[in-house]
N, C-alpha and C. Protein backbone atom coordinates (compact mmCIF):
# COMPACT_ATOMS: atom_id res chain seq x y z
N MET A 1 7.33 -9.89 10.12
CA MET A 1 7.32 -9.58 11.55
C MET A 1 5.95 -9.92 12.11
N ARG A 2 5.90 -10.22 13.36
CA ARG A 2 4.64 -10.55 14.02
C ARG A 2 3.98 -9.27 14.53
N ILE A 3 2.76 -9.39 15.00
CA ILE A 3 1.96 -8.23 15.39
C ILE A 3 2.60 -7.43 16.52
N GLY A 4 3.25 -8.10 17.46
CA GLY A 4 3.90 -7.40 18.56
C GLY A 4 5.00 -6.48 18.08
N GLU A 5 5.76 -6.95 17.09
CA GLU A 5 6.84 -6.14 16.52
C GLU A 5 6.27 -4.94 15.76
N LEU A 6 5.20 -5.16 15.00
CA LEU A 6 4.56 -4.05 14.28
C LEU A 6 4.04 -3.03 15.28
N SER A 7 3.46 -3.51 16.35
CA SER A 7 2.96 -2.63 17.40
C SER A 7 4.09 -1.80 18.00
N ARG A 8 5.19 -2.45 18.29
CA ARG A 8 6.34 -1.75 18.88
C ARG A 8 6.90 -0.70 17.93
N ARG A 9 6.98 -1.04 16.65
CA ARG A 9 7.59 -0.13 15.68
C ARG A 9 6.69 1.04 15.31
N THR A 10 5.38 0.87 15.44
CA THR A 10 4.47 1.94 15.06
C THR A 10 3.87 2.68 16.26
N GLY A 11 3.96 2.07 17.44
CA GLY A 11 3.34 2.67 18.61
C GLY A 11 1.84 2.46 18.66
N VAL A 12 1.32 1.58 17.82
CA VAL A 12 -0.11 1.31 17.76
C VAL A 12 -0.38 -0.01 18.48
N PRO A 13 -1.33 -0.01 19.43
CA PRO A 13 -1.62 -1.25 20.17
C PRO A 13 -2.05 -2.39 19.25
N GLU A 14 -1.73 -3.61 19.64
CA GLU A 14 -2.08 -4.79 18.85
C GLU A 14 -3.58 -4.86 18.57
N ARG A 15 -4.36 -4.52 19.56
CA ARG A 15 -5.82 -4.56 19.39
C ARG A 15 -6.26 -3.65 18.24
N LEU A 16 -5.66 -2.48 18.14
CA LEU A 16 -5.98 -1.54 17.08
C LEU A 16 -5.49 -2.06 15.72
N LEU A 17 -4.36 -2.72 15.70
CA LEU A 17 -3.87 -3.32 14.45
C LEU A 17 -4.84 -4.39 13.96
N ARG A 18 -5.39 -5.17 14.89
CA ARG A 18 -6.38 -6.19 14.51
C ARG A 18 -7.64 -5.52 13.96
N TYR A 19 -8.02 -4.39 14.56
CA TYR A 19 -9.17 -3.64 14.07
C TYR A 19 -8.90 -3.14 12.65
N TYR A 20 -7.71 -2.62 12.39
CA TYR A 20 -7.35 -2.17 11.05
C TYR A 20 -7.48 -3.32 10.05
N GLU A 21 -7.09 -4.51 10.48
CA GLU A 21 -7.22 -5.67 9.62
C GLU A 21 -8.70 -5.97 9.35
N GLN A 22 -9.53 -5.92 10.38
CA GLN A 22 -10.97 -6.17 10.21
C GLN A 22 -11.60 -5.16 9.25
N GLN A 23 -11.07 -3.94 9.24
CA GLN A 23 -11.59 -2.89 8.38
C GLN A 23 -11.01 -2.95 6.96
N GLY A 24 -10.12 -3.90 6.72
CA GLY A 24 -9.52 -4.06 5.40
C GLY A 24 -8.36 -3.12 5.12
N LEU A 25 -7.85 -2.48 6.17
CA LEU A 25 -6.75 -1.53 6.00
C LEU A 25 -5.39 -2.22 5.98
N LEU A 26 -5.30 -3.34 6.66
CA LEU A 26 -4.08 -4.15 6.68
C LEU A 26 -4.45 -5.56 6.23
N ARG A 27 -3.54 -6.17 5.50
CA ARG A 27 -3.77 -7.54 5.02
C ARG A 27 -2.53 -8.40 5.28
N PRO A 28 -2.32 -8.77 6.52
CA PRO A 28 -1.14 -9.60 6.82
C PRO A 28 -1.29 -11.00 6.24
N LEU A 29 -0.17 -11.62 6.00
CA LEU A 29 -0.18 -13.03 5.61
C LEU A 29 -0.52 -13.85 6.86
N ARG A 30 -1.14 -15.00 6.64
CA ARG A 30 -1.44 -15.89 7.77
C ARG A 30 -0.58 -17.14 7.63
N ARG A 31 0.14 -17.41 8.68
CA ARG A 31 0.94 -18.64 8.73
C ARG A 31 0.01 -19.82 9.01
N PRO A 32 0.47 -21.03 8.71
CA PRO A 32 -0.36 -22.21 9.02
C PRO A 32 -0.73 -22.28 10.50
N SER A 33 0.11 -21.70 11.35
CA SER A 33 -0.17 -21.69 12.79
C SER A 33 -1.25 -20.68 13.16
N GLY A 34 -1.63 -19.82 12.20
CA GLY A 34 -2.63 -18.80 12.46
C GLY A 34 -2.04 -17.44 12.80
N TYR A 35 -0.73 -17.39 13.04
CA TYR A 35 -0.08 -16.12 13.35
C TYR A 35 -0.10 -15.19 12.13
N ARG A 36 -0.26 -13.92 12.42
CA ARG A 36 -0.19 -12.91 11.36
C ARG A 36 1.28 -12.61 11.06
N GLU A 37 1.57 -12.41 9.80
CA GLU A 37 2.93 -12.05 9.40
C GLU A 37 2.85 -10.75 8.61
N TYR A 38 3.47 -9.71 9.16
CA TYR A 38 3.45 -8.39 8.54
C TYR A 38 4.77 -8.14 7.82
N GLY A 39 4.71 -7.34 6.77
CA GLY A 39 5.90 -6.96 6.02
C GLY A 39 6.35 -5.56 6.39
N GLU A 40 7.48 -5.18 5.86
CA GLU A 40 8.04 -3.84 6.11
C GLU A 40 7.08 -2.75 5.63
N GLY A 41 6.38 -3.00 4.54
CA GLY A 41 5.43 -2.02 4.02
C GLY A 41 4.27 -1.75 4.95
N ASP A 42 3.97 -2.70 5.82
CA ASP A 42 2.87 -2.51 6.77
C ASP A 42 3.19 -1.42 7.80
N VAL A 43 4.46 -1.23 8.10
CA VAL A 43 4.85 -0.14 9.01
C VAL A 43 4.45 1.19 8.37
N THR A 44 4.76 1.34 7.10
CA THR A 44 4.39 2.56 6.36
C THR A 44 2.88 2.71 6.27
N THR A 45 2.19 1.60 6.00
CA THR A 45 0.73 1.65 5.90
C THR A 45 0.10 2.10 7.21
N VAL A 46 0.58 1.56 8.32
CA VAL A 46 0.03 1.96 9.62
C VAL A 46 0.26 3.46 9.85
N ARG A 47 1.41 3.95 9.50
CA ARG A 47 1.68 5.39 9.66
C ARG A 47 0.75 6.23 8.79
N ARG A 48 0.49 5.76 7.59
CA ARG A 48 -0.47 6.47 6.71
C ARG A 48 -1.86 6.46 7.33
N ILE A 49 -2.26 5.31 7.83
CA ILE A 49 -3.58 5.20 8.48
C ILE A 49 -3.68 6.18 9.62
N ARG A 50 -2.66 6.24 10.46
CA ARG A 50 -2.68 7.16 11.61
C ARG A 50 -2.76 8.61 11.14
N SER A 51 -2.06 8.96 10.09
CA SER A 51 -2.10 10.33 9.56
C SER A 51 -3.50 10.66 9.06
N LEU A 52 -4.11 9.73 8.36
CA LEU A 52 -5.45 9.97 7.82
C LEU A 52 -6.50 10.02 8.93
N LEU A 53 -6.34 9.21 9.96
CA LEU A 53 -7.25 9.30 11.11
C LEU A 53 -7.10 10.66 11.79
N ALA A 54 -5.85 11.12 11.93
CA ALA A 54 -5.61 12.43 12.55
C ALA A 54 -6.20 13.56 11.71
N ALA A 55 -6.31 13.32 10.40
CA ALA A 55 -6.90 14.32 9.50
C ALA A 55 -8.42 14.32 9.56
N GLY A 56 -9.00 13.39 10.34
CA GLY A 56 -10.45 13.38 10.52
C GLY A 56 -11.18 12.39 9.65
N LEU A 57 -10.47 11.54 8.92
CA LEU A 57 -11.14 10.55 8.09
C LEU A 57 -11.49 9.31 8.91
N ASN A 58 -12.60 8.67 8.57
CA ASN A 58 -12.96 7.43 9.25
C ASN A 58 -12.33 6.25 8.51
N THR A 59 -12.37 5.08 9.12
CA THR A 59 -11.67 3.94 8.54
C THR A 59 -12.29 3.50 7.21
N ALA A 60 -13.60 3.67 7.03
CA ALA A 60 -14.23 3.30 5.75
C ALA A 60 -13.69 4.19 4.63
N THR A 61 -13.56 5.47 4.90
CA THR A 61 -13.01 6.39 3.90
C THR A 61 -11.54 6.09 3.66
N ILE A 62 -10.82 5.82 4.73
CA ILE A 62 -9.40 5.50 4.60
C ILE A 62 -9.21 4.28 3.71
N ALA A 63 -10.07 3.29 3.83
CA ALA A 63 -9.96 2.08 3.01
C ALA A 63 -10.05 2.41 1.52
N THR A 64 -10.82 3.43 1.18
CA THR A 64 -10.96 3.79 -0.23
C THR A 64 -9.83 4.69 -0.73
N VAL A 65 -9.30 5.54 0.15
CA VAL A 65 -8.26 6.48 -0.31
C VAL A 65 -6.84 5.93 -0.15
N LEU A 66 -6.64 5.01 0.74
CA LEU A 66 -5.30 4.49 1.03
C LEU A 66 -4.56 3.98 -0.21
N PRO A 67 -5.23 3.22 -1.10
CA PRO A 67 -4.52 2.74 -2.28
C PRO A 67 -4.09 3.85 -3.24
N CYS A 68 -4.67 5.02 -3.08
CA CYS A 68 -4.38 6.13 -3.99
C CYS A 68 -3.41 7.15 -3.39
N LEU A 69 -2.65 6.75 -2.40
CA LEU A 69 -1.70 7.66 -1.77
C LEU A 69 -0.29 7.09 -1.85
N ARG A 70 0.65 7.99 -1.97
CA ARG A 70 2.06 7.63 -1.87
C ARG A 70 2.72 8.67 -0.97
N GLU A 71 3.91 8.37 -0.53
CA GLU A 71 4.64 9.32 0.32
C GLU A 71 5.73 9.99 -0.49
N ASP A 72 5.87 11.29 -0.25
CA ASP A 72 6.91 12.09 -0.89
C ASP A 72 7.50 12.99 0.19
N GLU A 73 8.69 12.68 0.63
CA GLU A 73 9.35 13.48 1.68
C GLU A 73 8.48 13.66 2.92
N GLN A 74 8.01 12.56 3.45
CA GLN A 74 7.24 12.54 4.70
C GLN A 74 5.84 13.16 4.60
N ARG A 75 5.32 13.34 3.40
CA ARG A 75 3.94 13.82 3.29
C ARG A 75 3.19 12.91 2.32
N LEU A 76 1.90 12.83 2.52
CA LEU A 76 1.07 11.99 1.66
C LEU A 76 0.70 12.77 0.41
N VAL A 77 0.78 12.09 -0.73
CA VAL A 77 0.50 12.72 -2.02
C VAL A 77 -0.52 11.87 -2.76
N PRO A 78 -1.61 12.50 -3.27
CA PRO A 78 -2.60 11.74 -4.05
C PRO A 78 -1.97 11.15 -5.31
N ASN A 79 -2.36 9.92 -5.60
CA ASN A 79 -1.84 9.18 -6.73
C ASN A 79 -2.91 8.88 -7.78
N CYS A 80 -4.17 9.15 -7.46
CA CYS A 80 -5.29 8.88 -8.35
C CYS A 80 -6.02 10.19 -8.65
N SER A 81 -6.51 10.32 -9.85
CA SER A 81 -7.15 11.57 -10.25
C SER A 81 -8.40 11.90 -9.43
N SER A 82 -9.16 10.91 -9.03
CA SER A 82 -10.41 11.17 -8.30
C SER A 82 -10.18 11.47 -6.82
N LEU A 83 -9.00 11.21 -6.32
CA LEU A 83 -8.77 11.33 -4.88
C LEU A 83 -8.89 12.76 -4.38
N VAL A 84 -8.42 13.73 -5.14
CA VAL A 84 -8.49 15.12 -4.68
C VAL A 84 -9.94 15.54 -4.48
N ALA A 85 -10.82 15.15 -5.38
CA ALA A 85 -12.25 15.48 -5.23
C ALA A 85 -12.81 14.81 -3.98
N ASP A 86 -12.44 13.55 -3.75
CA ASP A 86 -12.91 12.85 -2.54
C ASP A 86 -12.41 13.55 -1.27
N LEU A 87 -11.15 13.95 -1.28
CA LEU A 87 -10.59 14.63 -0.11
C LEU A 87 -11.21 16.00 0.10
N ASN A 88 -11.54 16.68 -0.97
CA ASN A 88 -12.23 17.97 -0.84
C ASN A 88 -13.61 17.79 -0.23
N ARG A 89 -14.30 16.71 -0.60
CA ARG A 89 -15.61 16.42 0.02
C ARG A 89 -15.45 16.15 1.52
N GLU A 90 -14.42 15.40 1.89
CA GLU A 90 -14.17 15.14 3.31
C GLU A 90 -13.84 16.44 4.04
N ARG A 91 -13.05 17.29 3.41
CA ARG A 91 -12.70 18.59 4.01
C ARG A 91 -13.96 19.43 4.22
N ASP A 92 -14.85 19.43 3.23
CA ASP A 92 -16.12 20.17 3.37
C ASP A 92 -16.96 19.61 4.51
N ARG A 93 -16.97 18.28 4.65
CA ARG A 93 -17.72 17.64 5.75
C ARG A 93 -17.16 18.08 7.10
N ILE A 94 -15.85 18.12 7.21
CA ILE A 94 -15.20 18.54 8.45
C ILE A 94 -15.47 20.01 8.73
N THR A 95 -15.41 20.83 7.69
CA THR A 95 -15.71 22.27 7.85
C THR A 95 -17.14 22.47 8.34
N ALA A 96 -18.08 21.72 7.79
CA ALA A 96 -19.48 21.82 8.24
C ALA A 96 -19.61 21.41 9.71
N ALA A 97 -18.89 20.35 10.10
CA ALA A 97 -18.94 19.90 11.50
C ALA A 97 -18.36 20.97 12.42
N ILE A 98 -17.29 21.61 12.00
CA ILE A 98 -16.69 22.69 12.80
C ILE A 98 -17.68 23.83 12.95
N THR A 99 -18.35 24.20 11.87
CA THR A 99 -19.33 25.28 11.92
C THR A 99 -20.46 24.94 12.88
N GLU A 100 -20.94 23.70 12.83
CA GLU A 100 -22.00 23.27 13.76
C GLU A 100 -21.52 23.34 15.20
N LEU A 101 -20.30 22.92 15.46
CA LEU A 101 -19.76 22.98 16.82
C LEU A 101 -19.60 24.43 17.29
N GLN A 102 -19.18 25.31 16.40
CA GLN A 102 -19.05 26.72 16.78
C GLN A 102 -20.41 27.32 17.09
N THR A 103 -21.43 26.94 16.34
CA THR A 103 -22.79 27.41 16.62
C THR A 103 -23.25 26.89 17.98
N SER A 104 -23.00 25.61 18.24
CA SER A 104 -23.37 25.03 19.54
C SER A 104 -22.67 25.76 20.68
N ARG A 105 -21.38 26.03 20.50
CA ARG A 105 -20.63 26.74 21.54
C ARG A 105 -21.19 28.13 21.76
N ALA A 106 -21.55 28.83 20.70
CA ALA A 106 -22.11 30.17 20.83
C ALA A 106 -23.43 30.15 21.61
N ILE A 107 -24.26 29.14 21.35
CA ILE A 107 -25.52 29.01 22.09
C ILE A 107 -25.24 28.76 23.57
N LEU A 108 -24.29 27.86 23.85
CA LEU A 108 -23.93 27.60 25.25
C LEU A 108 -23.36 28.84 25.91
N ASP A 109 -22.54 29.60 25.19
CA ASP A 109 -21.99 30.85 25.73
C ASP A 109 -23.10 31.81 26.11
N THR A 110 -24.15 31.89 25.29
CA THR A 110 -25.29 32.77 25.58
C THR A 110 -26.02 32.33 26.84
N VAL A 111 -26.21 31.02 26.98
CA VAL A 111 -26.89 30.49 28.17
C VAL A 111 -26.03 30.75 29.41
N ILE A 112 -24.73 30.47 29.29
CA ILE A 112 -23.82 30.69 30.42
C ILE A 112 -23.79 32.16 30.81
N ALA A 113 -23.76 33.04 29.82
CA ALA A 113 -23.69 34.47 30.09
C ALA A 113 -24.95 34.98 30.79
N ALA A 114 -26.06 34.29 30.64
CA ALA A 114 -27.31 34.70 31.27
C ALA A 114 -27.42 34.22 32.72
N ALA A 115 -26.43 33.51 33.20
CA ALA A 115 -26.48 32.97 34.56
C ALA A 115 -26.44 34.10 35.58
N PRO A 116 -27.10 33.92 36.72
CA PRO A 116 -27.05 34.93 37.78
C PRO A 116 -25.61 35.16 38.24
N GLU A 117 -25.35 36.36 38.74
CA GLU A 117 -24.00 36.75 39.16
C GLU A 117 -23.40 35.79 40.17
N GLU A 118 -24.20 35.27 41.08
CA GLU A 118 -23.65 34.38 42.11
C GLU A 118 -23.12 33.07 41.52
N PHE A 119 -23.54 32.74 40.31
CA PHE A 119 -23.02 31.55 39.64
C PHE A 119 -21.79 31.85 38.79
N ALA A 120 -21.53 33.13 38.58
CA ALA A 120 -20.49 33.55 37.64
C ALA A 120 -19.10 33.04 38.02
N ALA A 121 -18.84 32.90 39.29
CA ALA A 121 -17.51 32.48 39.73
C ALA A 121 -17.28 30.98 39.55
N GLN A 122 -18.26 30.29 39.03
CA GLN A 122 -18.16 28.82 38.90
C GLN A 122 -17.66 28.38 37.53
N GLY A 123 -16.56 28.98 37.10
CA GLY A 123 -15.89 28.48 35.91
C GLY A 123 -16.39 29.01 34.59
N VAL A 124 -16.59 30.31 34.49
CA VAL A 124 -16.93 30.89 33.20
C VAL A 124 -15.64 31.02 32.39
N PRO A 125 -15.62 30.49 31.16
CA PRO A 125 -14.41 30.56 30.35
C PRO A 125 -14.00 32.00 30.05
N ASP A 126 -12.72 32.19 29.83
CA ASP A 126 -12.22 33.51 29.45
C ASP A 126 -12.92 33.98 28.19
N GLY A 127 -13.20 35.26 28.15
CA GLY A 127 -13.83 35.85 26.98
C GLY A 127 -15.34 35.85 27.02
N ILE A 128 -15.94 35.21 28.01
CA ILE A 128 -17.40 35.18 28.15
C ILE A 128 -17.78 36.18 29.22
N GLU A 129 -18.64 37.08 28.86
CA GLU A 129 -19.11 38.07 29.82
C GLU A 129 -20.40 37.56 30.46
N VAL A 130 -20.46 37.65 31.76
CA VAL A 130 -21.65 37.22 32.49
C VAL A 130 -22.53 38.43 32.70
N ALA A 131 -23.77 38.30 32.25
CA ALA A 131 -24.71 39.42 32.41
C ALA A 131 -25.04 39.60 33.86
N PRO A 132 -25.18 40.86 34.31
CA PRO A 132 -25.55 41.08 35.70
C PRO A 132 -26.94 40.50 35.99
N ALA A 133 -27.13 40.08 37.24
CA ALA A 133 -28.41 39.53 37.66
C ALA A 133 -29.49 40.59 37.52
N ARG A 134 -30.64 40.17 37.09
CA ARG A 134 -31.76 41.11 36.90
C ARG A 134 -32.62 41.10 38.15
N SER A 135 -33.07 42.27 38.55
CA SER A 135 -33.95 42.36 39.71
C SER A 135 -35.36 42.07 39.27
N ALA A 136 -36.09 41.40 40.14
CA ALA A 136 -37.47 41.05 39.80
C ALA A 136 -38.42 42.11 40.25
């Protein structure tokens, strides 16, 4: 199938499919005319790529883990012994990023809560208490 058909079947724009190819995630055959020719397995591969991107992995990491995955009843299953350790490292990286974002949000909440009362009506998120204005 050509790139337009793969795009239609996966819901992924052609431009993104070309990017996946540049990243080594897809390897279509090239016709003498230069057209890319995708196989049925590429539909599955694109779906796996999308799942791994949604899980927070970048394309470089996906390129290394993709060959070690198989599908079992609509879920991805590790096929290589080292993959679980790699995925645990990625999970730890994501957990650390979440912790950093929560810390950043807490700092912003503190700054927002210190705003004078007259600013309080300007979109303070639920759950944030605005400290009363201090008299000088």
